[in-house]
Amino acid sequence: MTHLRKFVSSVPEYRRTSRGNFKHKLEDILMLVILGRLSKCITRAEILQFGKRHLKRLQSKGLFPYGLPSEATLCRVFQSIDDEKMADRMSAFAEVFRKEISASATDIICIVGKAMRGTLYDNGRNPNIVSAYSLRSSFTLATDVCKEKSNEIKSVPRLLDKLDVSGCVVTADAMSCQKGIIDKIRGKGGDFVIELKANQRSLRYGLEDSIKATTPTDIYKEGPYLEHGRIESRVCRIFRGEELIADREKWNGNLTVIEILTSTEKKSDGRSTSEQRLYISSLDSSAERLSQITKQHWAIESMHWDLDRNLRQDSIKRKAERAARNLDTIQRMVLALIAVWKNRRKKISDKQKGTAQIIRELAVSFTNVLHFLAQK
């Protein structure tokens, strides 16, 4: 609870404090929303109902001495908090626990964007939140907002400026396959594995042709194995970039080329599909390790699934972009608190609990929430 109190008290107050003309502290409101979200509350009305049920317990902790705010106040507060500053405070919170949890091991930082489908601009598009996710810690390290998917090219460098990637491996989708982004990762002491698609047309198609006549330096095969009703086989082949990439100076050094070949058969109807994916990397490593890194990148999609499925992000409508991003930050804080709890557990059964199960258990009683936040 101490670390959570530090987070909510660190979010800058946007109201005038000199006259004392407001009843509810900002940190109390943020604490209520986070506790409510941990207890399976989705809407503002549900959060306030949660607060009414447990008002005496909240007041015993020094919260809401004058009673609860109204639903309109909650709405107004989240439209007014500086979303960038609150996201930065979340990053500071995450960095403390990231160092505690993964200080002695190489971390993999996954970067990808997610559309906030509950919010629409006037042109009908959804704002995008680009986030950096720590694989070892299992929570978001930093976020940046962009108005369209194509603007991720500008968002990712801003995101990297907020991160310490020294000694880490940064993974990203093809949108981040840009010289400036690769140079920034290298300049900050990190390595990278980035997917290569047609946005780098000459490099992609040149490699597709070149690897047909080139012997790989290493091969790693997986499968066949049954997963989600599909029988899948996977082959990872590694090539030396200096043998295949003509414009090496543009990419500021030698690269490793990774080819992933997957073949999938649906168990229900026997239909088969195959796919080739290409990646470029600064790592000179085995095919087995690089294959695992490309698979581990999709851990961030599991976190996005948690946001949508268990915290209902896409179903919650917000008209204001600032309110939507502040909601996103609160939801990522909830997932971070759950991840910290799981990382600190000694029992395997606790570590294996999913987000939905933990939230169901916390929703049973306010005492469960307090015990959860008093984690050691």
Protein backbone atom coordinates (compact mmCIF):
# COMPACT_ATOMS: atom_id res chain seq x y z
CA MET A 1 0.00 0.00 0.00
CA THR A 2 2.94 2.33 0.67
CA HIS A 3 4.13 2.24 -2.94
CA LEU A 4 0.60 2.77 -4.22
CA ARG A 5 0.18 5.78 -1.92
CA LYS A 6 3.45 7.18 -3.25
CA PHE A 7 2.14 6.84 -6.80
CA VAL A 8 -1.22 8.54 -6.20
CA SER A 9 0.37 11.33 -4.15
CA SER A 10 2.97 11.96 -6.87
CA VAL A 11 0.38 12.78 -9.57
CA PRO A 12 0.40 16.61 -9.86
CA GLU A 13 -2.67 18.42 -8.59
CA TYR A 14 -4.29 20.38 -11.44
CA ARG A 15 -6.59 22.43 -9.18
CA ARG A 16 -5.65 25.58 -7.28
CA THR A 17 -4.54 24.57 -3.82
CA SER A 18 -3.96 28.02 -2.32
CA ARG A 19 -7.62 28.58 -1.38
CA GLY A 20 -8.48 25.05 -0.33
CA ASN A 21 -11.71 25.27 -2.30
CA PHE A 22 -12.24 21.56 -2.96
CA LYS A 23 -13.46 18.74 -0.73
CA HIS A 24 -11.63 15.71 -2.10
CA LYS A 25 -7.90 15.20 -2.46
CA LEU A 26 -6.76 14.06 -5.89
CA GLU A 27 -4.80 11.20 -4.34
CA ASP A 28 -7.96 9.96 -2.55
CA ILE A 29 -9.88 9.91 -5.84
CA LEU A 30 -7.11 8.03 -7.63
CA MET A 31 -6.85 5.54 -4.77
CA LEU A 32 -10.62 4.91 -4.89
CA VAL A 33 -10.55 4.26 -8.64
CA ILE A 34 -7.59 1.86 -8.39
CA LEU A 35 -9.13 -0.04 -5.46
CA GLY A 36 -12.42 -0.22 -7.34
CA ARG A 37 -10.76 -1.53 -10.49
CA LEU A 38 -8.95 -4.17 -8.42
CA SER A 39 -12.35 -5.20 -7.06
CA LYS A 40 -13.94 -5.84 -10.47
CA CYS A 41 -15.62 -2.43 -10.83
CA ILE A 42 -15.78 -1.14 -14.40
CA THR A 43 -17.92 2.00 -14.61
CA ARG A 44 -17.75 5.16 -12.51
CA ALA A 45 -21.11 4.26 -10.94
CA GLU A 46 -19.78 0.85 -9.87
CA ILE A 47 -16.66 2.45 -8.40
CA LEU A 48 -18.78 4.85 -6.33
CA GLN A 49 -21.01 1.97 -5.16
CA PHE A 50 -17.83 0.20 -4.07
CA GLY A 51 -16.78 3.34 -2.20
CA LYS A 52 -20.15 3.63 -0.43
CA ARG A 53 -19.99 0.00 0.73
CA HIS A 54 -16.53 0.48 2.20
CA LEU A 55 -16.58 4.16 3.16
CA LYS A 56 -15.87 3.54 6.85
CA ARG A 57 -12.88 1.35 5.98
CA LEU A 58 -11.62 3.99 3.56
CA GLN A 59 -12.01 6.73 6.16
CA SER A 60 -10.12 4.61 8.70
CA LYS A 61 -7.20 4.81 6.24
CA GLY A 62 -7.47 8.60 6.13
CA LEU A 63 -9.37 8.78 2.83
CA PHE A 64 -12.48 10.88 2.08
CA PRO A 65 -13.05 12.58 5.45
CA TYR A 66 -15.95 14.56 3.89
CA GLY A 67 -17.58 11.64 2.08
CA LEU A 68 -17.36 10.43 -1.50
CA PRO A 69 -17.22 12.57 -4.66
CA SER A 70 -20.03 12.54 -7.20
CA GLU A 71 -19.91 10.72 -10.52
CA ALA A 72 -19.62 14.10 -12.27
CA THR A 73 -16.57 14.91 -10.15
CA LEU A 74 -14.89 11.64 -11.14
CA CYS A 75 -15.57 12.42 -14.79
CA ARG A 76 -14.24 15.97 -14.49
CA VAL A 77 -11.10 14.87 -12.63
CA PHE A 78 -10.08 12.34 -15.27
CA GLN A 79 -10.67 14.86 -18.03
CA SER A 80 -8.42 17.37 -16.25
CA ILE A 81 -5.43 15.42 -14.89
CA ASP A 82 -2.32 15.94 -17.02
CA ASP A 83 -2.25 12.56 -18.78
CA GLU A 84 1.43 12.78 -19.75
CA LYS A 85 2.51 13.48 -16.18
CA MET A 86 0.39 10.69 -14.73
CA ALA A 87 1.81 8.24 -17.29
CA ASP A 88 5.31 9.37 -16.29
CA ARG A 89 4.51 8.69 -12.61
CA MET A 90 3.38 5.21 -13.58
CA SER A 91 6.72 4.72 -15.37
CA ALA A 92 8.61 5.74 -12.23
CA PHE A 93 6.55 3.26 -10.18
CA ALA A 94 7.22 0.49 -12.71
CA GLU A 95 10.96 1.17 -12.88
CA VAL A 96 11.35 0.66 -9.11
CA PHE A 97 9.88 -2.83 -9.28
CA ARG A 98 11.53 -3.70 -12.57
CA LYS A 99 14.94 -3.18 -10.96
CA GLU A 100 13.87 -5.28 -7.98
CA ILE A 101 12.46 -8.14 -10.05
CA SER A 102 14.81 -8.36 -13.05
CA ALA A 103 17.99 -6.57 -11.98
CA SER A 104 20.17 -9.66 -12.37
CA ALA A 105 18.78 -10.90 -15.70
CA THR A 106 18.57 -9.66 -19.26
CA ASP A 107 15.13 -8.18 -19.84
CA ILE A 108 13.15 -8.24 -23.05
CA ILE A 109 11.23 -5.02 -23.69
CA CYS A 110 8.35 -5.42 -26.13
CA ILE A 111 7.10 -2.30 -27.94
CA VAL A 112 3.81 -2.19 -29.82
CA GLY A 113 0.76 0.05 -30.22
CA LYS A 114 -2.83 -0.56 -29.16
CA ALA A 115 -5.92 1.31 -30.35
CA MET A 116 -8.29 2.63 -27.67
CA ARG A 117 -11.52 1.59 -29.38
CA GLY A 118 -13.75 3.19 -26.77
CA THR A 119 -12.57 6.65 -27.88
CA LEU A 120 -13.09 8.20 -31.31
CA TYR A 121 -11.65 11.32 -32.92
CA ASP A 122 -13.88 13.45 -35.14
CA ASN A 123 -12.41 11.69 -38.20
CA GLY A 124 -13.60 8.32 -36.87
CA ARG A 125 -10.14 7.07 -35.90
CA ASN A 126 -9.09 5.73 -32.51
CA PRO A 127 -6.12 7.13 -30.59
CA ASN A 128 -3.20 4.72 -30.30
CA ILE A 129 -1.26 4.03 -27.12
CA VAL A 130 2.28 2.83 -27.83
CA SER A 131 3.64 0.96 -24.83
CA ALA A 132 6.86 -0.67 -23.68
CA TYR A 133 6.29 -3.92 -21.78
CA SER A 134 8.85 -5.70 -19.59
CA LEU A 135 8.72 -9.43 -20.20
CA ARG A 136 10.47 -10.41 -16.95
CA SER A 137 8.47 -8.04 -14.77
CA SER A 138 5.19 -8.52 -16.69
CA PHE A 139 4.08 -4.88 -16.60
CA THR A 140 4.14 -1.72 -18.70
CA LEU A 141 7.23 0.47 -18.30
CA ALA A 142 6.11 3.52 -20.29
CA THR A 143 3.50 4.73 -22.77
CA ASP A 144 3.16 7.36 -25.47
CA VAL A 145 0.03 8.44 -27.33
CA CYS A 146 -0.29 8.96 -31.07
CA LYS A 147 -3.31 9.88 -33.15
CA GLU A 148 -2.87 7.26 -35.87
CA LYS A 149 -1.10 3.93 -36.36
CA SER A 150 1.30 5.53 -38.85
CA ASN A 151 2.44 8.01 -36.18
CA GLU A 152 4.05 5.19 -34.19
CA ILE A 153 7.24 5.97 -36.11
CA LYS A 154 7.40 9.24 -34.16
CA SER A 155 6.08 7.76 -30.92
CA VAL A 156 8.62 4.96 -30.52
CA PRO A 157 11.67 7.29 -30.29
CA ARG A 158 9.87 9.34 -27.62
CA LEU A 159 9.11 6.12 -25.77
CA LEU A 160 12.74 4.98 -25.97
CA ASP A 161 13.83 8.32 -24.48
CA LYS A 162 11.87 7.38 -21.33
CA LEU A 163 13.47 3.94 -20.99
CA ASP A 164 16.74 2.47 -19.81
CA VAL A 165 17.31 -0.26 -22.40
CA SER A 166 20.98 -0.84 -21.59
CA GLY A 167 21.64 -4.58 -21.61
CA CYS A 168 18.08 -5.32 -22.74
CA VAL A 169 16.64 -6.72 -25.95
CA VAL A 170 14.00 -4.50 -27.56
CA THR A 171 11.43 -6.28 -29.73
CA ALA A 172 9.01 -4.46 -32.01
CA ASP A 173 6.79 -4.92 -35.04
CA ALA A 174 7.60 -3.79 -38.57
CA MET A 175 6.46 -0.20 -37.97
CA SER A 176 9.63 0.26 -35.88
CA CYS A 177 11.96 -1.02 -38.59
CA GLN A 178 13.46 2.44 -39.13
CA LYS A 179 17.11 3.50 -39.13
CA GLY A 180 16.51 6.23 -36.55
CA ILE A 181 14.85 3.82 -34.12
CA ILE A 182 17.57 1.19 -34.55
CA ASP A 183 20.30 3.81 -34.05
CA LYS A 184 18.59 5.04 -30.86
CA ILE A 185 18.40 1.52 -29.40
CA ARG A 186 22.06 0.92 -30.17
CA GLY A 187 23.02 4.34 -28.82
CA LYS A 188 21.31 3.53 -25.51
CA GLY A 189 23.21 0.25 -25.17
CA GLY A 190 20.43 -2.13 -26.13
CA ASP A 191 19.95 -4.89 -28.67
CA PHE A 192 16.92 -5.43 -30.86
CA VAL A 193 14.83 -7.96 -32.76
CA ILE A 194 12.48 -6.17 -35.17
CA GLU A 195 10.12 -7.65 -37.74
CA LEU A 196 10.77 -6.79 -41.37
CA LYS A 197 7.87 -6.22 -43.77
CA ALA A 198 7.13 -4.32 -46.96
CA ASN A 199 7.51 -0.89 -45.34
CA GLN A 200 11.24 -1.51 -45.99
CA ARG A 201 10.49 -2.77 -49.46
CA SER A 202 13.96 -3.06 -50.98
CA LEU A 203 15.43 -4.73 -47.88
CA ARG A 204 12.54 -7.16 -47.45
CA TYR A 205 12.31 -8.31 -51.05
CA GLY A 206 16.09 -8.37 -51.43
CA LEU A 207 16.40 -10.71 -48.45
CA GLU A 208 13.57 -12.94 -49.68
CA ASP A 209 15.51 -13.51 -52.90
CA SER A 210 18.96 -13.79 -51.28
CA ILE A 211 18.21 -16.37 -48.60
CA LYS A 212 16.95 -18.85 -51.19
CA ALA A 213 20.53 -19.38 -52.34
CA THR A 214 22.24 -18.92 -48.95
CA THR A 215 23.12 -21.55 -46.36
CA PRO A 216 21.90 -20.66 -42.86
CA THR A 217 24.43 -20.52 -40.03
CA ASP A 218 22.03 -22.20 -37.60
CA ILE A 219 18.63 -23.92 -37.66
CA TYR A 220 16.18 -24.64 -34.86
CA LYS A 221 13.02 -26.72 -35.30
CA GLU A 222 9.97 -26.95 -33.05
CA GLY A 223 6.95 -29.21 -33.32
CA PRO A 224 4.71 -30.52 -34.51
CA TYR A 225 2.66 -29.67 -31.41
CA LEU A 226 -1.04 -29.15 -30.74
CA GLU A 227 -2.07 -25.69 -29.55
CA HIS A 228 -5.48 -23.97 -29.62
CA GLY A 229 -6.91 -26.61 -31.94
CA ARG A 230 -4.04 -26.31 -34.42
CA ILE A 231 -1.10 -28.56 -35.19
CA GLU A 232 1.86 -26.26 -35.70
CA SER A 233 5.47 -26.71 -36.76
CA ARG A 234 8.05 -23.94 -36.65
CA VAL A 235 11.53 -23.59 -38.15
CA CYS A 236 13.94 -20.77 -37.33
CA ARG A 237 16.86 -20.18 -39.71
CA ILE A 238 19.67 -17.69 -39.04
CA PHE A 239 21.71 -15.86 -41.70
CA ARG A 240 24.65 -13.50 -41.48
CA GLY A 241 23.51 -10.06 -42.54
CA GLU A 242 26.83 -9.01 -44.07
CA GLU A 243 26.36 -11.73 -46.68
CA LEU A 244 22.85 -10.62 -47.61
CA ILE A 245 22.38 -6.89 -46.92
CA ALA A 246 23.89 -4.66 -49.56
CA ASP A 247 23.33 -1.32 -47.82
CA ARG A 248 24.97 -2.18 -44.48
CA GLU A 249 26.14 1.39 -43.87
CA LYS A 250 22.53 2.60 -43.79
CA TRP A 251 21.80 0.23 -40.90
CA ASN A 252 24.95 1.22 -39.00
CA GLY A 253 26.62 -2.16 -38.65
CA ASN A 254 26.20 -5.86 -39.21
CA LEU A 255 22.80 -7.42 -38.68
CA THR A 256 21.55 -10.94 -38.13
CA VAL A 257 18.69 -12.02 -40.39
CA ILE A 258 16.09 -14.31 -38.83
CA GLU A 259 13.65 -16.34 -40.91
CA ILE A 260 10.68 -17.99 -39.18
CA LEU A 261 8.76 -20.57 -41.21
CA THR A 262 5.52 -21.82 -39.69
CA SER A 263 3.14 -24.45 -41.01
CA THR A 264 -0.26 -24.85 -39.38
CA GLU A 265 -3.00 -27.44 -39.79
CA LYS A 266 -6.46 -26.94 -38.28
CA LYS A 267 -7.41 -30.09 -36.42
CA SER A 268 -11.12 -29.55 -37.07
CA ASP A 269 -11.05 -29.53 -40.87
CA GLY A 270 -7.46 -30.37 -41.87
CA ARG A 271 -6.85 -27.07 -43.68
CA SER A 272 -3.17 -26.16 -43.87
CA THR A 273 -1.45 -22.76 -44.06
CA SER A 274 2.18 -21.69 -44.12
CA GLU A 275 3.86 -18.37 -43.40
CA GLN A 276 7.31 -16.82 -43.69
CA ARG A 277 8.32 -13.99 -41.35
CA LEU A 278 11.60 -12.10 -41.44
CA TYR A 279 13.34 -10.21 -38.65
CA ILE A 280 16.55 -8.25 -38.34
CA SER A 281 18.57 -8.24 -35.13
CA SER A 282 21.75 -6.90 -33.59
CA LEU A 283 22.18 -10.16 -31.66
CA ASP A 284 24.68 -12.80 -32.74
CA SER A 285 23.02 -15.72 -31.04
CA SER A 286 21.72 -19.24 -31.59
CA ALA A 287 18.63 -20.01 -33.63
CA GLU A 288 16.96 -21.46 -30.54
CA ARG A 289 17.37 -18.26 -28.50
CA LEU A 290 16.33 -15.96 -31.33
CA SER A 291 13.30 -18.13 -32.06
CA GLN A 292 12.25 -17.84 -28.42
CA ILE A 293 12.67 -14.05 -28.44
CA THR A 294 10.40 -13.69 -31.49
CA LYS A 295 7.74 -15.74 -29.69
CA GLN A 296 8.16 -13.86 -26.42
CA HIS A 297 7.38 -10.57 -28.16
CA TRP A 298 3.73 -11.61 -28.22
CA ALA A 299 3.55 -11.49 -24.41
CA ILE A 300 2.56 -7.85 -24.84
CA GLU A 301 -0.51 -9.00 -26.77
CA SER A 302 -1.51 -11.08 -23.74
CA MET A 303 -1.33 -7.90 -21.68
CA HIS A 304 -3.52 -6.12 -24.25
CA TRP A 305 -5.97 -9.03 -24.00
CA ASP A 306 -6.06 -8.50 -20.22
CA LEU A 307 -6.83 -4.82 -20.73
CA ASP A 308 -9.74 -5.63 -23.05
CA ARG A 309 -11.10 -8.84 -21.57
CA ASN A 310 -10.60 -8.42 -17.84
CA LEU A 311 -10.57 -4.62 -17.47
CA ARG A 312 -12.98 -3.89 -20.36
CA GLN A 313 -10.87 -1.11 -21.86
CA ASP A 314 -12.44 -1.17 -25.33
CA SER A 315 -16.01 -1.29 -24.00
CA ILE A 316 -15.62 1.81 -21.79
CA LYS A 317 -16.59 4.91 -23.78
CA ARG A 318 -14.61 8.10 -23.26
CA LYS A 319 -15.19 11.19 -25.40
CA ALA A 320 -12.06 13.05 -24.26
CA GLU A 321 -8.63 11.74 -25.28
CA ARG A 322 -7.11 12.87 -21.99
CA ALA A 323 -9.71 10.96 -19.96
CA ALA A 324 -9.15 7.88 -22.13
CA ARG A 325 -5.41 7.94 -21.61
CA ASN A 326 -5.75 8.50 -17.87
CA LEU A 327 -8.07 5.49 -17.76
CA ASP A 328 -5.45 3.50 -19.68
CA THR A 329 -2.78 4.48 -17.14
CA ILE A 330 -4.98 3.42 -14.20
CA GLN A 331 -5.70 0.07 -15.86
CA ARG A 332 -2.01 -0.56 -16.51
CA MET A 333 -1.31 0.33 -12.86
CA VAL A 334 -3.83 -2.32 -11.81
CA LEU A 335 -2.05 -4.92 -13.98
CA ALA A 336 1.32 -3.77 -12.58
CA LEU A 337 0.11 -4.26 -9.00
CA ILE A 338 -1.06 -7.77 -9.90
CA ALA A 339 2.27 -8.53 -11.60
CA VAL A 340 4.26 -7.32 -8.57
CA TRP A 341 2.12 -9.50 -6.29
CA LYS A 342 2.69 -12.57 -8.47
CA ASN A 343 6.42 -11.93 -8.75
CA ARG A 344 6.72 -11.76 -4.96
CA ARG A 345 4.76 -14.94 -4.30
CA LYS A 346 6.66 -18.08 -3.36
CA LYS A 347 3.88 -20.57 -4.07
CA ILE A 348 3.77 -21.78 -7.67
CA SER A 349 -0.04 -21.84 -7.53
CA ASP A 350 -0.08 -18.09 -6.75
CA LYS A 351 2.34 -17.29 -9.58
CA GLN A 352 0.16 -19.22 -12.03
CA LYS A 353 -3.05 -17.34 -11.23
CA GLY A 354 -4.53 -15.32 -14.08
CA THR A 355 -5.69 -11.72 -13.86
CA ALA A 356 -9.37 -12.69 -13.91
CA GLN A 357 -8.96 -15.14 -11.02
CA ILE A 358 -7.05 -12.62 -8.88
CA ILE A 359 -9.64 -9.88 -9.47
CA ARG A 360 -12.47 -12.32 -8.61
CA GLU A 361 -10.75 -13.19 -5.33
CA LEU A 362 -10.15 -9.52 -4.48
CA ALA A 363 -13.79 -8.65 -5.23
CA VAL A 364 -14.98 -11.00 -2.47
CA SER A 365 -14.07 -8.59 0.34
CA PHE A 366 -12.30 -5.32 1.03
CA THR A 367 -10.06 -7.18 3.49
CA ASN A 368 -8.71 -9.25 0.59
CA VAL A 369 -7.78 -6.04 -1.23
CA LEU A 370 -5.96 -4.65 1.82
CA HIS A 371 -4.04 -7.90 2.29
CA PHE A 372 -3.17 -7.88 -1.41
CA LEU A 373 -1.79 -4.33 -1.18
CA ALA A 374 0.18 -5.18 1.98
CA GLN A 375 2.24 -7.62 -0.09
CA LYS A 376 5.71 -8.42 1.16
